[in-house]
Amino acid sequence: MRRVNESVRQVLAETLPELKDPRIGLVTVTGVVTAPDLRHATVYVSVLGNEKKRTATLRGLEAAHGVLQSRLARQLRMKRTPQLTFEYDPSVERGVRMSQLIDDLAPEDE
């Protein structure tokens, strides 16, 4: 399943910049979790921007799921093409916040 998840993540990461939907901003696919029966896949994405941009991007991705699924079917040739759902992954945002906190606490070298 790890190989399937990574393959799906890679195809989606390559396909997202090609989408023409203006709602979709700068998106990074951080992970994919595919069900063992290959019927569903949850795609975790990180979006650069505020809450409004994040919501618009997720709506745009949901609208483009048919295009993304057809690309998956063509490139991966799996037994089934999973139904894609997109969820925001806050881990990148948390990592940036932690780095800022560490930088604020660390003494500056002079």
PDB file of N, CA and C in Angstrom:
ATOM      1  N   MET A   1       0.817  -1.199   0.000  1.00  0.00           N
ATOM      2  CA  MET A   1       0.000   0.000   0.000  1.00  0.00           C
ATOM      3  C   MET A   1       0.863   1.265   0.000  1.00  0.00           C
ATOM      4  N   ARG A   2       2.054   1.181   0.601  1.00  0.00           N
ATOM      5  CA  ARG A   2       2.931   2.357   0.604  1.00  0.00           C
ATOM      6  C   ARG A   2       3.330   2.748  -0.818  1.00  0.00           C
ATOM      7  N   ARG A   3       3.588   1.751  -1.648  1.00  0.00           N
ATOM      8  CA  ARG A   3       3.961   2.048  -3.038  1.00  0.00           C
ATOM      9  C   ARG A   3       2.793   2.645  -3.811  1.00  0.00           C
ATOM     10  N   VAL A   4       1.597   2.123  -3.556  1.00  0.00           N
ATOM     11  CA  VAL A   4       0.406   2.676  -4.213  1.00  0.00           C
ATOM     12  C   VAL A   4       0.205   4.117  -3.777  1.00  0.00           C
ATOM     13  N   ASN A   5       0.282   4.364  -2.473  1.00  0.00           N
ATOM     14  CA  ASN A   5       0.107   5.727  -1.957  1.00  0.00           C
ATOM     15  C   ASN A   5       1.136   6.681  -2.556  1.00  0.00           C
ATOM     16  N   GLU A   6       2.374   6.252  -2.624  1.00  0.00           N
ATOM     17  CA  GLU A   6       3.426   7.110  -3.163  1.00  0.00           C
ATOM     18  C   GLU A   6       3.228   7.342  -4.661  1.00  0.00           C
ATOM     19  N   SER A   7       2.801   6.324  -5.382  1.00  0.00           N
ATOM     20  CA  SER A   7       2.557   6.483  -6.824  1.00  0.00           C
ATOM     21  C   SER A   7       1.414   7.464  -7.076  1.00  0.00           C
ATOM     22  N   VAL A   8       0.337   7.341  -6.306  1.00  0.00           N
ATOM     23  CA  VAL A   8      -0.796   8.258  -6.447  1.00  0.00           C
ATOM     24  C   VAL A   8      -0.360   9.669  -6.104  1.00  0.00           C
ATOM     25  N   ARG A   9       0.412   9.828  -5.031  1.00  0.00           N
ATOM     26  CA  ARG A   9       0.903  11.152  -4.623  1.00  0.00           C
ATOM     27  C   ARG A   9       1.754  11.775  -5.724  1.00  0.00           C
ATOM     28  N   GLN A  10       2.621  10.982  -6.331  1.00  0.00           N
ATOM     29  CA  GLN A  10       3.510  11.501  -7.363  1.00  0.00           C
ATOM     30  C   GLN A  10       2.734  11.942  -8.606  1.00  0.00           C
ATOM     31  N   VAL A  11       1.782  11.138  -9.050  1.00  0.00           N
ATOM     32  CA  VAL A  11       0.995  11.501 -10.234  1.00  0.00           C
ATOM     33  C   VAL A  11       0.189  12.768  -9.967  1.00  0.00           C
ATOM     34  N   LEU A  12      -0.418  12.863  -8.782  1.00  0.00           N
ATOM     35  CA  LEU A  12      -1.202  14.052  -8.458  1.00  0.00           C
ATOM     36  C   LEU A  12      -0.315  15.291  -8.355  1.00  0.00           C
ATOM     37  N   ALA A  13       0.855  15.146  -7.753  1.00  0.00           N
ATOM     38  CA  ALA A  13       1.768  16.286  -7.615  1.00  0.00           C
ATOM     39  C   ALA A  13       2.217  16.790  -8.984  1.00  0.00           C
ATOM     40  N   GLU A  14       2.385  15.896  -9.942  1.00  0.00           N
ATOM     41  CA  GLU A  14       2.778  16.300 -11.287  1.00  0.00           C
ATOM     42  C   GLU A  14       1.613  16.928 -12.047  1.00  0.00           C
ATOM     43  N   THR A  15       0.386  16.501 -11.738  1.00  0.00           N
ATOM     44  CA  THR A  15      -0.792  16.947 -12.481  1.00  0.00           C
ATOM     45  C   THR A  15      -1.345  18.273 -11.967  1.00  0.00           C
ATOM     46  N   LEU A  16      -1.265  18.539 -10.678  1.00  0.00           N
ATOM     47  CA  LEU A  16      -1.868  19.749 -10.103  1.00  0.00           C
ATOM     48  C   LEU A  16      -1.411  21.053 -10.760  1.00  0.00           C
ATOM     49  N   PRO A  17      -0.136  21.231 -11.065  1.00  0.00           N
ATOM     50  CA  PRO A  17       0.251  22.508 -11.716  1.00  0.00           C
ATOM     51  C   PRO A  17      -0.364  22.697 -13.099  1.00  0.00           C
ATOM     52  N   GLU A  18      -0.824  21.627 -13.730  1.00  0.00           N
ATOM     53  CA  GLU A  18      -1.412  21.708 -15.064  1.00  0.00           C
ATOM     54  C   GLU A  18      -2.877  22.145 -15.039  1.00  0.00           C
ATOM     55  N   LEU A  19      -3.511  22.112 -13.864  1.00  0.00           N
ATOM     56  CA  LEU A  19      -4.921  22.479 -13.771  1.00  0.00           C
ATOM     57  C   LEU A  19      -5.096  23.977 -14.026  1.00  0.00           C
ATOM     58  N   LYS A  20      -6.149  24.319 -14.742  1.00  0.00           N
ATOM     59  CA  LYS A  20      -6.374  25.711 -15.143  1.00  0.00           C
ATOM     60  C   LYS A  20      -7.357  26.465 -14.245  1.00  0.00           C
ATOM     61  N   ASP A  21      -7.861  25.816 -13.206  1.00  0.00           N
ATOM     62  CA  ASP A  21      -8.846  26.425 -12.322  1.00  0.00           C
ATOM     63  C   ASP A  21      -8.213  27.578 -11.537  1.00  0.00           C
ATOM     64  N   PRO A  22      -8.744  28.790 -11.648  1.00  0.00           N
ATOM     65  CA  PRO A  22      -8.135  29.928 -10.937  1.00  0.00           C
ATOM     66  C   PRO A  22      -8.277  29.842  -9.417  1.00  0.00           C
ATOM     67  N   ARG A  23      -9.176  29.004  -8.925  1.00  0.00           N
ATOM     68  CA  ARG A  23      -9.336  28.860  -7.478  1.00  0.00           C
ATOM     69  C   ARG A  23      -8.160  28.116  -6.856  1.00  0.00           C
ATOM     70  N   ILE A  24      -7.492  27.293  -7.646  1.00  0.00           N
ATOM     71  CA  ILE A  24      -6.415  26.460  -7.120  1.00  0.00           C
ATOM     72  C   ILE A  24      -5.132  27.279  -7.064  1.00  0.00           C
ATOM     73  N   GLY A  25      -4.648  27.479  -5.838  1.00  0.00           N
ATOM     74  CA  GLY A  25      -3.430  28.254  -5.634  1.00  0.00           C
ATOM     75  C   GLY A  25      -2.211  27.346  -5.604  1.00  0.00           C
ATOM     76  N   LEU A  26      -1.225  27.751  -4.842  1.00  0.00           N
ATOM     77  CA  LEU A  26      -0.002  26.974  -4.700  1.00  0.00           C
ATOM     78  C   LEU A  26      -0.271  25.816  -3.745  1.00  0.00           C
ATOM     79  N   VAL A  27      -0.290  24.605  -4.291  1.00  0.00           N
ATOM     80  CA  VAL A  27      -0.673  23.410  -3.543  1.00  0.00           C
ATOM     81  C   VAL A  27       0.483  22.422  -3.528  1.00  0.00           C
ATOM     82  N   THR A  28       0.698  21.797  -2.373  1.00  0.00           N
ATOM     83  CA  THR A  28       1.665  20.721  -2.244  1.00  0.00           C
ATOM     84  C   THR A  28       0.933  19.492  -1.734  1.00  0.00           C
ATOM     85  N   VAL A  29       1.110  18.366  -2.406  1.00  0.00           N
ATOM     86  CA  VAL A  29       0.517  17.109  -1.953  1.00  0.00           C
ATOM     87  C   VAL A  29       1.463  16.532  -0.916  1.00  0.00           C
ATOM     88  N   THR A  30       1.005  16.485   0.339  1.00  0.00           N
ATOM     89  CA  THR A  30       1.873  16.017   1.425  1.00  0.00           C
ATOM     90  C   THR A  30       1.737  14.534   1.692  1.00  0.00           C
ATOM     91  N   GLY A  31       0.628  13.940   1.285  1.00  0.00           N
ATOM     92  CA  GLY A  31       0.464  12.509   1.506  1.00  0.00           C
ATOM     93  C   GLY A  31      -0.834  11.991   0.926  1.00  0.00           C
ATOM     94  N   VAL A  32      -0.890  10.679   0.769  1.00  0.00           N
ATOM     95  CA  VAL A  32      -2.092  10.015   0.269  1.00  0.00           C
ATOM     96  C   VAL A  32      -2.298   8.760   1.095  1.00  0.00           C
ATOM     97  N   VAL A  33      -3.545   8.520   1.485  1.00  0.00           N
ATOM     98  CA  VAL A  33      -3.903   7.279   2.177  1.00  0.00           C
ATOM     99  C   VAL A  33      -4.982   6.608   1.346  1.00  0.00           C
ATOM    100  N   THR A  34      -4.651   5.456   0.789  1.00  0.00           N
ATOM    101  CA  THR A  34      -5.568   4.723  -0.064  1.00  0.00           C
ATOM    102  C   THR A  34      -6.144   3.557   0.723  1.00  0.00           C
ATOM    103  N   ALA A  35      -7.446   3.336   0.569  1.00  0.00           N
ATOM    104  CA  ALA A  35      -8.100   2.207   1.228  1.00  0.00           C
ATOM    105  C   ALA A  35      -7.557   0.908   0.624  1.00  0.00           C
ATOM    106  N   PRO A  36      -7.496  -0.160   1.421  1.00  0.00           N
ATOM    107  CA  PRO A  36      -6.966  -1.440   0.917  1.00  0.00           C
ATOM    108  C   PRO A  36      -7.712  -1.989  -0.308  1.00  0.00           C
ATOM    109  N   ASP A  37      -8.989  -1.665  -0.443  1.00  0.00           N
ATOM    110  CA  ASP A  37      -9.741  -2.155  -1.604  1.00  0.00           C
ATOM    111  C   ASP A  37      -9.617  -1.227  -2.811  1.00  0.00           C
ATOM    112  N   LEU A  38      -8.813  -0.174  -2.706  1.00  0.00           N
ATOM    113  CA  LEU A  38      -8.545   0.798  -3.772  1.00  0.00           C
ATOM    114  C   LEU A  38      -9.773   1.571  -4.230  1.00  0.00           C
ATOM    115  N   ARG A  39     -10.818   1.626  -3.429  1.00  0.00           N
ATOM    116  CA  ARG A  39     -12.027   2.360  -3.818  1.00  0.00           C
ATOM    117  C   ARG A  39     -11.947   3.845  -3.455  1.00  0.00           C
ATOM    118  N   HIS A  40     -11.242   4.176  -2.394  1.00  0.00           N
ATOM    119  CA  HIS A  40     -11.160   5.561  -1.918  1.00  0.00           C
ATOM    120  C   HIS A  40      -9.711   5.920  -1.604  1.00  0.00           C
ATOM    121  N   ALA A  41      -9.382   7.177  -1.826  1.00  0.00           N
ATOM    122  CA  ALA A  41      -8.065   7.695  -1.449  1.00  0.00           C
ATOM    123  C   ALA A  41      -8.257   9.099  -0.886  1.00  0.00           C
ATOM    124  N   THR A  42      -7.669   9.326   0.270  1.00  0.00           N
ATOM    125  CA  THR A  42      -7.681  10.657   0.871  1.00  0.00           C
ATOM    126  C   THR A  42      -6.350  11.314   0.546  1.00  0.00           C
ATOM    127  N   VAL A  43      -6.428  12.478  -0.083  1.00  0.00           N
ATOM    128  CA  VAL A  43      -5.241  13.211  -0.498  1.00  0.00           C
ATOM    129  C   VAL A  43      -5.067  14.390   0.453  1.00  0.00           C
ATOM    130  N   TYR A  44      -3.935  14.430   1.132  1.00  0.00           N
ATOM    131  CA  TYR A  44      -3.642  15.516   2.066  1.00  0.00           C
ATOM    132  C   TYR A  44      -2.808  16.566   1.348  1.00  0.00           C
ATOM    133  N   VAL A  45      -3.279  17.807   1.405  1.00  0.00           N
ATOM    134  CA  VAL A  45      -2.606  18.888   0.696  1.00  0.00           C
ATOM    135  C   VAL A  45      -2.300  20.038   1.645  1.00  0.00           C
ATOM    136  N   SER A  46      -1.229  20.742   1.333  1.00  0.00           N
ATOM    137  CA  SER A  46      -0.871  21.960   2.042  1.00  0.00           C
ATOM    138  C   SER A  46      -1.047  23.101   1.050  1.00  0.00           C
ATOM    139  N   VAL A  47      -1.678  24.178   1.500  1.00  0.00           N
ATOM    140  CA  VAL A  47      -1.979  25.304   0.620  1.00  0.00           C
ATOM    141  C   VAL A  47      -1.320  26.552   1.175  1.00  0.00           C
ATOM    142  N   LEU A  48      -0.624  27.262   0.301  1.00  0.00           N
ATOM    143  CA  LEU A  48       0.002  28.516   0.703  1.00  0.00           C
ATOM    144  C   LEU A  48      -1.037  29.624   0.628  1.00  0.00           C
ATOM    145  N   GLY A  49      -1.253  30.300   1.742  1.00  0.00           N
ATOM    146  CA  GLY A  49      -2.217  31.401   1.761  1.00  0.00           C
ATOM    147  C   GLY A  49      -3.082  31.362   3.005  1.00  0.00           C
ATOM    148  N   ASN A  50      -4.036  32.272   3.052  1.00  0.00           N
ATOM    149  CA  ASN A  50      -4.910  32.389   4.218  1.00  0.00           C
ATOM    150  C   ASN A  50      -6.071  31.391   4.135  1.00  0.00           C
ATOM    151  N   GLU A  51      -6.963  31.478   5.108  1.00  0.00           N
ATOM    152  CA  GLU A  51      -8.097  30.546   5.204  1.00  0.00           C
ATOM    153  C   GLU A  51      -8.994  30.616   3.969  1.00  0.00           C
ATOM    154  N   LYS A  52      -9.224  31.827   3.454  1.00  0.00           N
ATOM    155  CA  LYS A  52     -10.078  31.999   2.277  1.00  0.00           C
ATOM    156  C   LYS A  52      -9.464  31.304   1.061  1.00  0.00           C
ATOM    157  N   LYS A  53      -8.164  31.481   0.867  1.00  0.00           N
ATOM    158  CA  LYS A  53      -7.460  30.845  -0.253  1.00  0.00           C
ATOM    159  C   LYS A  53      -7.470  29.325  -0.100  1.00  0.00           C
ATOM    160  N   ARG A  54      -7.308  28.861   1.128  1.00  0.00           N
ATOM    161  CA  ARG A  54      -7.308  27.426   1.412  1.00  0.00           C
ATOM    162  C   ARG A  54      -8.657  26.802   1.059  1.00  0.00           C
ATOM    163  N   THR A  55      -9.740  27.464   1.466  1.00  0.00           N
ATOM    164  CA  THR A  55     -11.085  26.966   1.185  1.00  0.00           C
ATOM    165  C   THR A  55     -11.358  26.947  -0.318  1.00  0.00           C
ATOM    166  N   ALA A  56     -10.969  28.015  -1.008  1.00  0.00           N
ATOM    167  CA  ALA A  56     -11.173  28.081  -2.458  1.00  0.00           C
ATOM    168  C   ALA A  56     -10.375  26.996  -3.178  1.00  0.00           C
ATOM    169  N   THR A  57      -9.154  26.759  -2.732  1.00  0.00           N
ATOM    170  CA  THR A  57      -8.323  25.731  -3.356  1.00  0.00           C
ATOM    171  C   THR A  57      -8.919  24.349  -3.161  1.00  0.00           C
ATOM    172  N   LEU A  58      -9.407  24.063  -1.953  1.00  0.00           N
ATOM    173  CA  LEU A  58     -10.018  22.750  -1.713  1.00  0.00           C
ATOM    174  C   LEU A  58     -11.272  22.561  -2.570  1.00  0.00           C
ATOM    175  N   ARG A  59     -12.059  23.634  -2.739  1.00  0.00           N
ATOM    176  CA  ARG A  59     -13.235  23.554  -3.621  1.00  0.00           C
ATOM    177  C   ARG A  59     -12.814  23.296  -5.066  1.00  0.00           C
ATOM    178  N   GLY A  60     -11.772  23.964  -5.503  1.00  0.00           N
ATOM    179  CA  GLY A  60     -11.264  23.765  -6.857  1.00  0.00           C
ATOM    180  C   GLY A  60     -10.750  22.355  -7.078  1.00  0.00           C
ATOM    181  N   LEU A  61     -10.081  21.806  -6.075  1.00  0.00           N
ATOM    182  CA  LEU A  61      -9.590  20.430  -6.188  1.00  0.00           C
ATOM    183  C   LEU A  61     -10.740  19.434  -6.244  1.00  0.00           C
ATOM    184  N   GLU A  62     -11.757  19.655  -5.427  1.00  0.00           N
ATOM    185  CA  GLU A  62     -12.922  18.764  -5.464  1.00  0.00           C
ATOM    186  C   GLU A  62     -13.598  18.824  -6.837  1.00  0.00           C
ATOM    187  N   ALA A  63     -13.655  20.016  -7.430  1.00  0.00           N
ATOM    188  CA  ALA A  63     -14.269  20.164  -8.750  1.00  0.00           C
ATOM    189  C   ALA A  63     -13.436  19.472  -9.827  1.00  0.00           C
ATOM    190  N   ALA A  64     -12.131  19.394  -9.634  1.00  0.00           N
ATOM    191  CA  ALA A  64     -11.238  18.801 -10.635  1.00  0.00           C
ATOM    192  C   ALA A  64     -10.956  17.326 -10.383  1.00  0.00           C
ATOM    193  N   HIS A  65     -11.669  16.706  -9.429  1.00  0.00           N
ATOM    194  CA  HIS A  65     -11.333  15.322  -9.088  1.00  0.00           C
ATOM    195  C   HIS A  65     -11.524  14.368 -10.266  1.00  0.00           C
ATOM    196  N   GLY A  66     -12.450  14.654 -11.167  1.00  0.00           N
ATOM    197  CA  GLY A  66     -12.651  13.789 -12.331  1.00  0.00           C
ATOM    198  C   GLY A  66     -11.445  13.792 -13.257  1.00  0.00           C
ATOM    199  N   VAL A  67     -10.894  14.965 -13.494  1.00  0.00           N
ATOM    200  CA  VAL A  67      -9.693  15.088 -14.328  1.00  0.00           C
ATOM    201  C   VAL A  67      -8.528  14.356 -13.675  1.00  0.00           C
ATOM    202  N   LEU A  68      -8.400  14.538 -12.365  1.00  0.00           N
ATOM    203  CA  LEU A  68      -7.296  13.903 -11.640  1.00  0.00           C
ATOM    204  C   LEU A  68      -7.441  12.382 -11.625  1.00  0.00           C
ATOM    205  N   GLN A  69      -8.662  11.898 -11.452  1.00  0.00           N
ATOM    206  CA  GLN A  69      -8.884  10.455 -11.458  1.00  0.00           C
ATOM    207  C   GLN A  69      -8.598   9.852 -12.826  1.00  0.00           C
ATOM    208  N   SER A  70      -8.982  10.547 -13.894  1.00  0.00           N
ATOM    209  CA  SER A  70      -8.703  10.012 -15.225  1.00  0.00           C
ATOM    210  C   SER A  70      -7.198   9.969 -15.483  1.00  0.00           C
ATOM    211  N   ARG A  71      -6.459  10.968 -14.988  1.00  0.00           N
ATOM    212  CA  ARG A  71      -5.002  10.947 -15.137  1.00  0.00           C
ATOM    213  C   ARG A  71      -4.404   9.776 -14.361  1.00  0.00           C
ATOM    214  N   LEU A  72      -4.933   9.531 -13.151  1.00  0.00           N
ATOM    215  CA  LEU A  72      -4.467   8.381 -12.374  1.00  0.00           C
ATOM    216  C   LEU A  72      -4.715   7.079 -13.122  1.00  0.00           C
ATOM    217  N   ALA A  73      -5.906   6.932 -13.678  1.00  0.00           N
ATOM    218  CA  ALA A  73      -6.262   5.706 -14.396  1.00  0.00           C
ATOM    219  C   ALA A  73      -5.330   5.481 -15.587  1.00  0.00           C
ATOM    220  N   ARG A  74      -5.011   6.550 -16.311  1.00  0.00           N
ATOM    221  CA  ARG A  74      -4.137   6.423 -17.479  1.00  0.00           C
ATOM    222  C   ARG A  74      -2.715   6.068 -17.099  1.00  0.00           C
ATOM    223  N   GLN A  75      -2.189   6.715 -16.057  1.00  0.00           N
ATOM    224  CA  GLN A  75      -0.772   6.553 -15.748  1.00  0.00           C
ATOM    225  C   GLN A  75      -0.461   5.342 -14.871  1.00  0.00           C
ATOM    226  N   LEU A  76      -1.375   4.976 -13.976  1.00  0.00           N
ATOM    227  CA  LEU A  76      -1.056   3.906 -13.031  1.00  0.00           C
ATOM    228  C   LEU A  76      -1.600   2.539 -13.436  1.00  0.00           C
ATOM    229  N   ARG A  77      -2.657   2.513 -14.199  1.00  0.00           N
ATOM    230  CA  ARG A  77      -3.256   1.254 -14.654  1.00  0.00           C
ATOM    231  C   ARG A  77      -3.484   0.274 -13.503  1.00  0.00           C
ATOM    232  N   MET A  78      -4.186   0.743 -12.499  1.00  0.00           N
ATOM    233  CA  MET A  78      -4.516  -0.094 -11.344  1.00  0.00           C
ATOM    234  C   MET A  78      -5.808  -0.850 -11.619  1.00  0.00           C
ATOM    235  N   LYS A  79      -6.061  -1.839 -10.774  1.00  0.00           N
ATOM    236  CA  LYS A  79      -7.291  -2.621 -10.886  1.00  0.00           C
ATOM    237  C   LYS A  79      -8.510  -1.703 -10.788  1.00  0.00           C
ATOM    238  N   ARG A  80      -8.479  -0.788  -9.836  1.00  0.00           N
ATOM    239  CA  ARG A  80      -9.519   0.224  -9.649  1.00  0.00           C
ATOM    240  C   ARG A  80      -8.846   1.579  -9.504  1.00  0.00           C
ATOM    241  N   THR A  81      -9.536   2.606  -9.952  1.00  0.00           N
ATOM    242  CA  THR A  81      -9.061   3.961  -9.726  1.00  0.00           C
ATOM    243  C   THR A  81      -9.808   4.504  -8.517  1.00  0.00           C
ATOM    244  N   PRO A  82      -9.088   4.902  -7.467  1.00  0.00           N
ATOM    245  CA  PRO A  82      -9.769   5.345  -6.244  1.00  0.00           C
ATOM    246  C   PRO A  82     -10.518   6.663  -6.419  1.00  0.00           C
ATOM    247  N   GLN A  83     -11.625   6.778  -5.691  1.00  0.00           N
ATOM    248  CA  GLN A  83     -12.380   8.030  -5.594  1.00  0.00           C
ATOM    249  C   GLN A  83     -11.571   8.960  -4.692  1.00  0.00           C
ATOM    250  N   LEU A  84     -11.248  10.142  -5.186  1.00  0.00           N
ATOM    251  CA  LEU A  84     -10.380  11.059  -4.450  1.00  0.00           C
ATOM    252  C   LEU A  84     -11.171  12.013  -3.572  1.00  0.00           C
ATOM    253  N   THR A  85     -10.700  12.191  -2.358  1.00  0.00           N
ATOM    254  CA  THR A  85     -11.194  13.242  -1.482  1.00  0.00           C
ATOM    255  C   THR A  85      -9.977  14.030  -1.003  1.00  0.00           C
ATOM    256  N   PHE A  86     -10.155  15.322  -0.853  1.00  0.00           N
ATOM    257  CA  PHE A  86      -9.039  16.195  -0.488  1.00  0.00           C
ATOM    258  C   PHE A  86      -9.252  16.763   0.904  1.00  0.00           C
ATOM    259  N   GLU A  87      -8.172  16.753   1.692  1.00  0.00           N
ATOM    260  CA  GLU A  87      -8.209  17.320   3.040  1.00  0.00           C
ATOM    261  C   GLU A  87      -6.976  18.187   3.239  1.00  0.00           C
ATOM    262  N   TYR A  88      -7.174  19.252   3.998  1.00  0.00           N
ATOM    263  CA  TYR A  88      -6.061  20.152   4.308  1.00  0.00           C
ATOM    264  C   TYR A  88      -5.154  19.510   5.347  1.00  0.00           C
ATOM    265  N   ASP A  89      -3.857  19.596   5.126  1.00  0.00           N
ATOM    266  CA  ASP A  89      -2.865  19.050   6.058  1.00  0.00           C
ATOM    267  C   ASP A  89      -2.152  20.208   6.744  1.00  0.00           C
ATOM    268  N   PRO A  90      -2.433  20.426   8.026  1.00  0.00           N
ATOM    269  CA  PRO A  90      -1.834  21.577   8.725  1.00  0.00           C
ATOM    270  C   PRO A  90      -0.406  21.336   9.211  1.00  0.00           C
ATOM    271  N   SER A  91       0.187  20.188   8.911  1.00  0.00           N
ATOM    272  CA  SER A  91       1.510  19.873   9.454  1.00  0.00           C
ATOM    273  C   SER A  91       2.587  20.839   8.981  1.00  0.00           C
ATOM    274  N   VAL A  92       2.533  21.278   7.734  1.00  0.00           N
ATOM    275  CA  VAL A  92       3.530  22.224   7.236  1.00  0.00           C
ATOM    276  C   VAL A  92       3.394  23.556   7.959  1.00  0.00           C
ATOM    277  N   GLU A  93       2.162  23.993   8.137  1.00  0.00           N
ATOM    278  CA  GLU A  93       1.911  25.251   8.848  1.00  0.00           C
ATOM    279  C   GLU A  93       2.407  25.159  10.292  1.00  0.00           C
ATOM    280  N   ARG A  94       2.169  24.011  10.931  1.00  0.00           N
ATOM    281  CA  ARG A  94       2.641  23.822  12.309  1.00  0.00           C
ATOM    282  C   ARG A  94       4.158  23.827  12.370  1.00  0.00           C
ATOM    283  N   GLY A  95       4.809  23.222  11.374  1.00  0.00           N
ATOM    284  CA  GLY A  95       6.268  23.203  11.326  1.00  0.00           C
ATOM    285  C   GLY A  95       6.852  24.593  11.191  1.00  0.00           C
ATOM    286  N   VAL A  96       6.248  25.406  10.344  1.00  0.00           N
ATOM    287  CA  VAL A  96       6.711  26.789  10.179  1.00  0.00           C
ATOM    288  C   VAL A  96       6.529  27.558  11.483  1.00  0.00           C
ATOM    289  N   ARG A  97       5.399  27.349  12.143  1.00  0.00           N
ATOM    290  CA  ARG A  97       5.127  28.026  13.414  1.00  0.00           C
ATOM    291  C   ARG A  97       6.149  27.620  14.480  1.00  0.00           C
ATOM    292  N   MET A  98       6.475  26.327  14.527  1.00  0.00           N
ATOM    293  CA  MET A  98       7.462  25.844  15.500  1.00  0.00           C
ATOM    294  C   MET A  98       8.835  26.456  15.214  1.00  0.00           C
ATOM    295  N   SER A  99       9.202  26.555  13.945  1.00  0.00           N
ATOM    296  CA  SER A  99      10.485  27.170  13.582  1.00  0.00           C
ATOM    297  C   SER A  99      10.533  28.619  14.020  1.00  0.00           C
ATOM    298  N   GLN A 100       9.417  29.338  13.854  1.00  0.00           N
ATOM    299  CA  GLN A 100       9.368  30.735  14.283  1.00  0.00           C
ATOM    300  C   GLN A 100       9.527  30.844  15.796  1.00  0.00           C
ATOM    301  N   LEU A 101       8.858  29.956  16.534  1.00  0.00           N
ATOM    302  CA  LEU A 101       8.967  29.982  17.995  1.00  0.00           C
ATOM    303  C   LEU A 101      10.397  29.684  18.442  1.00  0.00           C
ATOM    304  N   ILE A 102      11.040  28.739  17.814  1.00  0.00           N
ATOM    305  CA  ILE A 102      12.426  28.402  18.158  1.00  0.00           C
ATOM    306  C   ILE A 102      13.347  29.573  17.846  1.00  0.00           C
ATOM    307  N   ASP A 103      13.141  30.194  16.687  1.00  0.00           N
ATOM    308  CA  ASP A 103      13.957  31.355  16.325  1.00  0.00           C
ATOM    309  C   ASP A 103      13.768  32.506  17.309  1.00  0.00           C
ATOM    310  N   ASP A 104      12.531  32.692  17.796  1.00  0.00           N
ATOM    311  CA  ASP A 104      12.256  33.765  18.757  1.00  0.00           C
ATOM    312  C   ASP A 104      12.936  33.500  20.101  1.00  0.00           C
ATOM    313  N   LEU A 105      13.042  32.241  20.483  1.00  0.00           N
ATOM    314  CA  LEU A 105      13.629  31.904  21.766  1.00  0.00           C
ATOM    315  C   LEU A 105      15.149  31.819  21.728  1.00  0.00           C
ATOM    316  N   ALA A 106      15.689  31.494  20.574  1.00  0.00           N
ATOM    317  CA  ALA A 106      17.154  31.340  20.468  1.00  0.00           C
ATOM    318  C   ALA A 106      17.833  32.697  20.567  1.00  0.00           C
ATOM    319  N   PRO A 107      18.950  32.769  21.298  1.00  0.00           N
ATOM    320  CA  PRO A 107      19.672  34.040  21.376  1.00  0.00           C
ATOM    321  C   PRO A 107      20.333  34.322  20.034  1.00  0.00           C
ATOM    322  N   GLU A 108      20.338  35.598  19.687  1.00  0.00           N
ATOM    323  CA  GLU A 108      20.947  35.990  18.425  1.00  0.00           C
ATOM    324  C   GLU A 108      22.457  36.065  18.587  1.00  0.00           C
ATOM    325  N   ASP A 109      23.165  35.530  17.569  1.00  0.00           N
ATOM    326  CA  ASP A 109      24.635  35.608  17.575  1.00  0.00           C
ATOM    327  C   ASP A 109      25.048  36.992  17.095  1.00  0.00           C
ATOM    328  N   GLU A 110      25.975  37.579  17.831  1.00  0.00           N
ATOM    329  CA  GLU A 110      26.432  38.911  17.455  1.00  0.00           C
ATOM    330  C   GLU A 110      27.893  38.897  17.174  1.00  0.00           C
TER     331      GLU A 110
END
